[in-house]
Amino acid sequence: MPRSVARGRALVLSALGAIVGISLVVIGVYVDHHGTGRLPEQVIRFALTVALAVFVYRGRRWARWLAVVLIGGVGLVLLAASRSTPVLVMGAVYVLSAGSLVTPWASAFLASQLEARGPSTG
């Protein structure tokens, strides 16, 4: 595996891991503060987050850009609107994760993933 692809793989896995990890933490905090009344919605949101992460990892272009727009946008809103340190940290992690998905290394890795699966799966 070329060095740029390996670096891109590490970046993509770190970004997706952070996004999925934050999602789990948010569910835990929500349940702790508000109970399990809205747990089904939280589980659905988590499942959609994991599905998006899987599609990004597989090199799907639409998933990558959807993740960049959604996660980056949410991160920017959190950074702009929050006065809470944990929420500011979450916003910063989201923005950094979205940014890492558009680096040349991530592009090289995701292109290799797409190439390995064939050109018709983009």
N, C-alpha and C. Protein backbone atom coordinates (compact mmCIF):
# COMPACT_ATOMS: atom_id res chain seq x y z
N MET A 1 0.85 -1.17 0.00
CA MET A 1 0.00 0.00 0.00
C MET A 1 0.89 1.24 0.00
N PRO A 2 0.73 2.12 -0.98
CA PRO A 2 1.54 3.35 -1.02
C PRO A 2 1.36 4.18 0.26
N ARG A 3 2.38 4.94 0.58
CA ARG A 3 2.37 5.71 1.82
C ARG A 3 1.20 6.70 1.88
N SER A 4 0.88 7.36 0.76
CA SER A 4 -0.23 8.32 0.78
C SER A 4 -1.56 7.62 1.04
N VAL A 5 -1.71 6.42 0.51
CA VAL A 5 -2.95 5.65 0.73
C VAL A 5 -3.02 5.21 2.19
N ALA A 6 -1.90 4.77 2.74
CA ALA A 6 -1.87 4.35 4.15
C ALA A 6 -2.19 5.52 5.07
N ARG A 7 -1.62 6.67 4.76
CA ARG A 7 -1.90 7.87 5.57
C ARG A 7 -3.38 8.26 5.44
N GLY A 8 -3.90 8.16 4.23
CA GLY A 8 -5.31 8.47 4.02
C GLY A 8 -6.22 7.51 4.76
N ARG A 9 -5.85 6.24 4.78
CA ARG A 9 -6.64 5.25 5.51
C ARG A 9 -6.69 5.60 7.00
N ALA A 10 -5.54 5.98 7.54
CA ALA A 10 -5.49 6.36 8.96
C ALA A 10 -6.35 7.59 9.23
N LEU A 11 -6.29 8.57 8.34
CA LEU A 11 -7.10 9.77 8.50
C LEU A 11 -8.59 9.46 8.43
N VAL A 12 -8.98 8.68 7.43
CA VAL A 12 -10.39 8.34 7.26
C VAL A 12 -10.90 7.54 8.45
N LEU A 13 -10.14 6.55 8.88
CA LEU A 13 -10.56 5.75 10.03
C LEU A 13 -10.64 6.60 11.30
N SER A 14 -9.71 7.52 11.48
CA SER A 14 -9.75 8.40 12.65
C SER A 14 -10.98 9.30 12.61
N ALA A 15 -11.25 9.88 11.46
CA ALA A 15 -12.40 10.78 11.32
C ALA A 15 -13.71 10.02 11.56
N LEU A 16 -13.85 8.88 10.91
CA LEU A 16 -15.09 8.11 11.06
C LEU A 16 -15.23 7.57 12.47
N GLY A 17 -14.12 7.15 13.07
CA GLY A 17 -14.17 6.70 14.46
C GLY A 17 -14.59 7.80 15.41
N ALA A 18 -14.09 9.00 15.18
CA ALA A 18 -14.47 10.14 16.03
C ALA A 18 -15.95 10.46 15.89
N ILE A 19 -16.44 10.43 14.66
CA ILE A 19 -17.84 10.75 14.41
C ILE A 19 -18.75 9.71 15.06
N VAL A 20 -18.44 8.45 14.86
CA VAL A 20 -19.26 7.38 15.45
C VAL A 20 -19.12 7.39 16.97
N GLY A 21 -17.92 7.62 17.47
CA GLY A 21 -17.70 7.68 18.91
C GLY A 21 -18.47 8.80 19.58
N ILE A 22 -18.45 9.98 18.96
CA ILE A 22 -19.21 11.11 19.51
C ILE A 22 -20.69 10.78 19.51
N SER A 23 -21.15 10.12 18.47
CA SER A 23 -22.56 9.75 18.40
C SER A 23 -22.95 8.85 19.58
N LEU A 24 -22.09 7.91 19.92
CA LEU A 24 -22.35 7.04 21.08
C LEU A 24 -22.36 7.82 22.38
N VAL A 25 -21.41 8.75 22.53
CA VAL A 25 -21.35 9.56 23.73
C VAL A 25 -22.61 10.42 23.87
N VAL A 26 -23.05 10.99 22.75
CA VAL A 26 -24.26 11.82 22.78
C VAL A 26 -25.47 11.00 23.22
N ILE A 27 -25.58 9.78 22.71
CA ILE A 27 -26.69 8.90 23.13
C ILE A 27 -26.60 8.65 24.64
N GLY A 28 -25.42 8.33 25.13
CA GLY A 28 -25.26 8.07 26.56
C GLY A 28 -25.61 9.27 27.42
N VAL A 29 -25.15 10.43 27.03
CA VAL A 29 -25.45 11.65 27.79
C VAL A 29 -26.94 11.97 27.73
N TYR A 30 -27.54 11.82 26.55
CA TYR A 30 -28.97 12.08 26.41
C TYR A 30 -29.79 11.15 27.30
N VAL A 31 -29.48 9.87 27.27
CA VAL A 31 -30.21 8.90 28.10
C VAL A 31 -30.01 9.20 29.58
N ASP A 32 -28.79 9.58 29.96
CA ASP A 32 -28.50 9.89 31.35
C ASP A 32 -29.32 11.09 31.84
N HIS A 33 -29.47 12.11 30.99
CA HIS A 33 -30.18 13.33 31.39
C HIS A 33 -31.68 13.27 31.17
N HIS A 34 -32.14 12.56 30.13
CA HIS A 34 -33.55 12.61 29.74
C HIS A 34 -34.26 11.26 29.78
N GLY A 35 -33.56 10.21 30.09
CA GLY A 35 -34.17 8.89 30.12
C GLY A 35 -34.23 8.26 28.74
N THR A 36 -34.92 7.14 28.66
CA THR A 36 -34.94 6.35 27.42
C THR A 36 -36.17 6.61 26.55
N GLY A 37 -36.93 7.64 26.86
CA GLY A 37 -38.15 7.92 26.09
C GLY A 37 -37.92 8.12 24.60
N ARG A 38 -36.80 8.71 24.23
CA ARG A 38 -36.50 8.95 22.82
C ARG A 38 -35.35 8.08 22.32
N LEU A 39 -35.12 7.00 23.00
CA LEU A 39 -34.03 6.11 22.61
C LEU A 39 -34.20 5.54 21.19
N PRO A 40 -35.41 5.19 20.75
CA PRO A 40 -35.54 4.68 19.37
C PRO A 40 -35.02 5.68 18.32
N GLU A 41 -35.31 6.97 18.50
CA GLU A 41 -34.81 7.98 17.57
C GLU A 41 -33.28 8.06 17.61
N GLN A 42 -32.74 7.94 18.82
CA GLN A 42 -31.28 7.98 18.97
C GLN A 42 -30.62 6.78 18.28
N VAL A 43 -31.24 5.62 18.42
CA VAL A 43 -30.70 4.40 17.79
C VAL A 43 -30.77 4.52 16.27
N ILE A 44 -31.85 5.06 15.75
CA ILE A 44 -31.98 5.26 14.30
C ILE A 44 -30.91 6.24 13.80
N ARG A 45 -30.71 7.33 14.53
CA ARG A 45 -29.69 8.30 14.15
C ARG A 45 -28.31 7.65 14.16
N PHE A 46 -28.05 6.83 15.18
CA PHE A 46 -26.77 6.14 15.26
C PHE A 46 -26.59 5.17 14.09
N ALA A 47 -27.65 4.43 13.77
CA ALA A 47 -27.57 3.48 12.64
C ALA A 47 -27.29 4.22 11.34
N LEU A 48 -27.92 5.37 11.14
CA LEU A 48 -27.67 6.15 9.92
C LEU A 48 -26.24 6.68 9.90
N THR A 49 -25.72 7.07 11.06
CA THR A 49 -24.34 7.54 11.14
C THR A 49 -23.37 6.42 10.78
N VAL A 50 -23.61 5.24 11.31
CA VAL A 50 -22.74 4.09 11.01
C VAL A 50 -22.84 3.73 9.52
N ALA A 51 -24.05 3.74 8.97
CA ALA A 51 -24.22 3.42 7.55
C ALA A 51 -23.46 4.43 6.68
N LEU A 52 -23.56 5.71 7.01
CA LEU A 52 -22.83 6.73 6.26
C LEU A 52 -21.33 6.49 6.37
N ALA A 53 -20.85 6.15 7.56
CA ALA A 53 -19.42 5.88 7.75
C ALA A 53 -18.96 4.70 6.90
N VAL A 54 -19.78 3.67 6.83
CA VAL A 54 -19.44 2.50 6.02
C VAL A 54 -19.34 2.88 4.54
N PHE A 55 -20.30 3.65 4.06
CA PHE A 55 -20.27 4.06 2.66
C PHE A 55 -19.07 4.97 2.38
N VAL A 56 -18.73 5.84 3.32
CA VAL A 56 -17.53 6.68 3.14
C VAL A 56 -16.30 5.79 3.06
N TYR A 57 -16.16 4.86 3.98
CA TYR A 57 -14.99 3.98 4.01
C TYR A 57 -14.86 3.17 2.71
N ARG A 58 -15.97 2.80 2.14
CA ARG A 58 -15.94 2.04 0.89
C ARG A 58 -15.62 2.91 -0.32
N GLY A 59 -15.48 4.20 -0.11
CA GLY A 59 -15.05 5.09 -1.19
C GLY A 59 -16.18 5.72 -1.98
N ARG A 60 -17.40 5.62 -1.51
CA ARG A 60 -18.51 6.22 -2.24
C ARG A 60 -18.41 7.74 -2.18
N ARG A 61 -18.34 8.35 -3.35
CA ARG A 61 -18.16 9.81 -3.42
C ARG A 61 -19.32 10.56 -2.78
N TRP A 62 -20.53 10.14 -3.08
CA TRP A 62 -21.70 10.84 -2.54
C TRP A 62 -21.70 10.80 -1.02
N ALA A 63 -21.27 9.69 -0.44
CA ALA A 63 -21.26 9.56 1.02
C ALA A 63 -20.18 10.45 1.63
N ARG A 64 -19.05 10.51 0.97
CA ARG A 64 -17.97 11.36 1.46
C ARG A 64 -18.42 12.81 1.52
N TRP A 65 -19.00 13.30 0.43
CA TRP A 65 -19.40 14.70 0.40
C TRP A 65 -20.60 14.98 1.28
N LEU A 66 -21.50 14.02 1.41
CA LEU A 66 -22.61 14.18 2.35
C LEU A 66 -22.06 14.28 3.77
N ALA A 67 -21.11 13.44 4.12
CA ALA A 67 -20.51 13.49 5.45
C ALA A 67 -19.79 14.81 5.68
N VAL A 68 -19.06 15.28 4.68
CA VAL A 68 -18.34 16.55 4.83
C VAL A 68 -19.33 17.69 5.07
N VAL A 69 -20.40 17.73 4.30
CA VAL A 69 -21.38 18.82 4.44
C VAL A 69 -22.12 18.71 5.77
N LEU A 70 -22.63 17.52 6.10
CA LEU A 70 -23.40 17.36 7.33
C LEU A 70 -22.54 17.54 8.58
N ILE A 71 -21.45 16.79 8.65
CA ILE A 71 -20.62 16.83 9.84
C ILE A 71 -19.90 18.17 9.96
N GLY A 72 -19.37 18.66 8.86
CA GLY A 72 -18.70 19.96 8.89
C GLY A 72 -19.67 21.08 9.23
N GLY A 73 -20.87 21.04 8.65
CA GLY A 73 -21.87 22.06 8.93
C GLY A 73 -22.31 22.05 10.38
N VAL A 74 -22.58 20.87 10.90
CA VAL A 74 -22.97 20.76 12.31
C VAL A 74 -21.83 21.25 13.20
N GLY A 75 -20.62 20.89 12.84
CA GLY A 75 -19.47 21.33 13.63
C GLY A 75 -19.33 22.84 13.66
N LEU A 76 -19.52 23.48 12.51
CA LEU A 76 -19.44 24.94 12.45
C LEU A 76 -20.54 25.59 13.28
N VAL A 77 -21.74 25.04 13.20
CA VAL A 77 -22.85 25.58 14.01
C VAL A 77 -22.55 25.43 15.50
N LEU A 78 -22.04 24.27 15.88
CA LEU A 78 -21.71 24.05 17.29
C LEU A 78 -20.62 25.01 17.76
N LEU A 79 -19.62 25.24 16.92
CA LEU A 79 -18.55 26.17 17.29
C LEU A 79 -19.07 27.60 17.41
N ALA A 80 -19.99 27.97 16.53
CA ALA A 80 -20.49 29.34 16.53
C ALA A 80 -21.51 29.61 17.63
N ALA A 81 -22.30 28.61 17.98
CA ALA A 81 -23.45 28.86 18.85
C ALA A 81 -23.27 28.40 20.29
N SER A 82 -22.26 27.64 20.60
CA SER A 82 -22.16 27.03 21.92
C SER A 82 -21.30 27.86 22.85
N ARG A 83 -21.67 27.77 24.12
CA ARG A 83 -20.86 28.36 25.18
C ARG A 83 -20.37 27.29 26.15
N SER A 84 -20.65 26.04 25.82
CA SER A 84 -20.28 24.91 26.66
C SER A 84 -19.00 24.28 26.11
N THR A 85 -18.03 24.05 26.97
CA THR A 85 -16.76 23.47 26.53
C THR A 85 -16.93 22.11 25.87
N PRO A 86 -17.72 21.17 26.42
CA PRO A 86 -17.86 19.88 25.74
C PRO A 86 -18.47 20.01 24.34
N VAL A 87 -19.40 20.92 24.18
CA VAL A 87 -20.02 21.11 22.86
C VAL A 87 -19.04 21.79 21.91
N LEU A 88 -18.23 22.69 22.41
CA LEU A 88 -17.19 23.31 21.57
C LEU A 88 -16.18 22.27 21.11
N VAL A 89 -15.80 21.38 22.01
CA VAL A 89 -14.87 20.30 21.64
C VAL A 89 -15.51 19.41 20.58
N MET A 90 -16.77 19.06 20.76
CA MET A 90 -17.47 18.24 19.78
C MET A 90 -17.50 18.95 18.43
N GLY A 91 -17.78 20.24 18.42
CA GLY A 91 -17.79 21.00 17.18
C GLY A 91 -16.42 21.00 16.51
N ALA A 92 -15.37 21.17 17.30
CA ALA A 92 -14.01 21.17 16.75
C ALA A 92 -13.66 19.80 16.16
N VAL A 93 -14.03 18.73 16.86
CA VAL A 93 -13.76 17.38 16.35
C VAL A 93 -14.52 17.16 15.05
N TYR A 94 -15.77 17.60 14.99
CA TYR A 94 -16.55 17.45 13.76
C TYR A 94 -15.90 18.21 12.60
N VAL A 95 -15.50 19.44 12.84
CA VAL A 95 -14.88 20.23 11.76
C VAL A 95 -13.56 19.60 11.32
N LEU A 96 -12.75 19.16 12.26
CA LEU A 96 -11.48 18.51 11.91
C LEU A 96 -11.72 17.19 11.17
N SER A 97 -12.74 16.44 11.60
CA SER A 97 -13.05 15.18 10.93
C SER A 97 -13.50 15.43 9.50
N ALA A 98 -14.38 16.40 9.32
CA ALA A 98 -14.84 16.73 7.96
C ALA A 98 -13.67 17.20 7.11
N GLY A 99 -12.82 18.02 7.69
CA GLY A 99 -11.65 18.51 6.95
C GLY A 99 -10.70 17.40 6.56
N SER A 100 -10.56 16.40 7.42
CA SER A 100 -9.63 15.31 7.10
C SER A 100 -10.15 14.46 5.95
N LEU A 101 -11.45 14.47 5.72
CA LEU A 101 -12.01 13.68 4.62
C LEU A 101 -11.75 14.30 3.25
N VAL A 102 -11.28 15.55 3.23
CA VAL A 102 -11.01 16.20 1.94
C VAL A 102 -9.52 16.42 1.69
N THR A 103 -8.68 15.79 2.50
CA THR A 103 -7.24 15.91 2.27
C THR A 103 -6.82 15.06 1.07
N PRO A 104 -5.68 15.38 0.47
CA PRO A 104 -5.19 14.55 -0.64
C PRO A 104 -4.98 13.09 -0.24
N TRP A 105 -4.57 12.86 1.01
CA TRP A 105 -4.34 11.48 1.47
C TRP A 105 -5.65 10.71 1.56
N ALA A 106 -6.67 11.36 2.12
CA ALA A 106 -7.99 10.71 2.18
C ALA A 106 -8.51 10.45 0.78
N SER A 107 -8.29 11.41 -0.12
CA SER A 107 -8.72 11.22 -1.50
C SER A 107 -8.03 10.02 -2.13
N ALA A 108 -6.74 9.87 -1.87
CA ALA A 108 -6.00 8.74 -2.43
C ALA A 108 -6.53 7.42 -1.88
N PHE A 109 -6.78 7.37 -0.59
CA PHE A 109 -7.29 6.15 0.01
C PHE A 109 -8.69 5.82 -0.51
N LEU A 110 -9.57 6.81 -0.54
CA LEU A 110 -10.94 6.55 -0.97
C LEU A 110 -10.99 6.18 -2.45
N ALA A 111 -10.10 6.77 -3.25
CA ALA A 111 -10.03 6.38 -4.66
C ALA A 111 -9.57 4.92 -4.79
N SER A 112 -8.63 4.52 -3.93
CA SER A 112 -8.17 3.13 -3.98
C SER A 112 -9.28 2.18 -3.54
N GLN A 113 -10.08 2.59 -2.59
CA GLN A 113 -11.21 1.77 -2.16
C GLN A 113 -12.22 1.61 -3.29
N LEU A 114 -12.50 2.70 -3.95
CA LEU A 114 -13.47 2.68 -5.05
C LEU A 114 -12.92 1.84 -6.22
N GLU A 115 -11.64 1.99 -6.50
CA GLU A 115 -11.01 1.25 -7.58
C GLU A 115 -11.03 -0.25 -7.29
N ALA A 116 -10.84 -0.63 -6.05
CA ALA A 116 -10.84 -2.04 -5.67
C ALA A 116 -12.23 -2.66 -5.85
N ARG A 117 -13.26 -1.86 -5.75
CA ARG A 117 -14.63 -2.36 -5.89
C ARG A 117 -15.18 -2.22 -7.30
N GLY A 118 -14.49 -1.51 -8.15
CA GLY A 118 -14.94 -1.33 -9.53
C GLY A 118 -15.52 0.06 -9.72
N PRO A 119 -15.41 0.60 -10.93
CA PRO A 119 -15.82 1.98 -11.18
C PRO A 119 -17.32 2.22 -11.12
N SER A 120 -18.14 1.21 -11.22
CA SER A 120 -19.59 1.43 -11.26
C SER A 120 -20.20 1.58 -9.87
N THR A 121 -19.39 1.54 -8.81
CA THR A 121 -19.95 1.60 -7.47
C THR A 121 -19.77 2.97 -6.83
N GLY A 122 -19.36 3.98 -7.57
CA GLY A 122 -19.07 5.29 -7.00
C GLY A 122 -20.25 6.04 -6.60
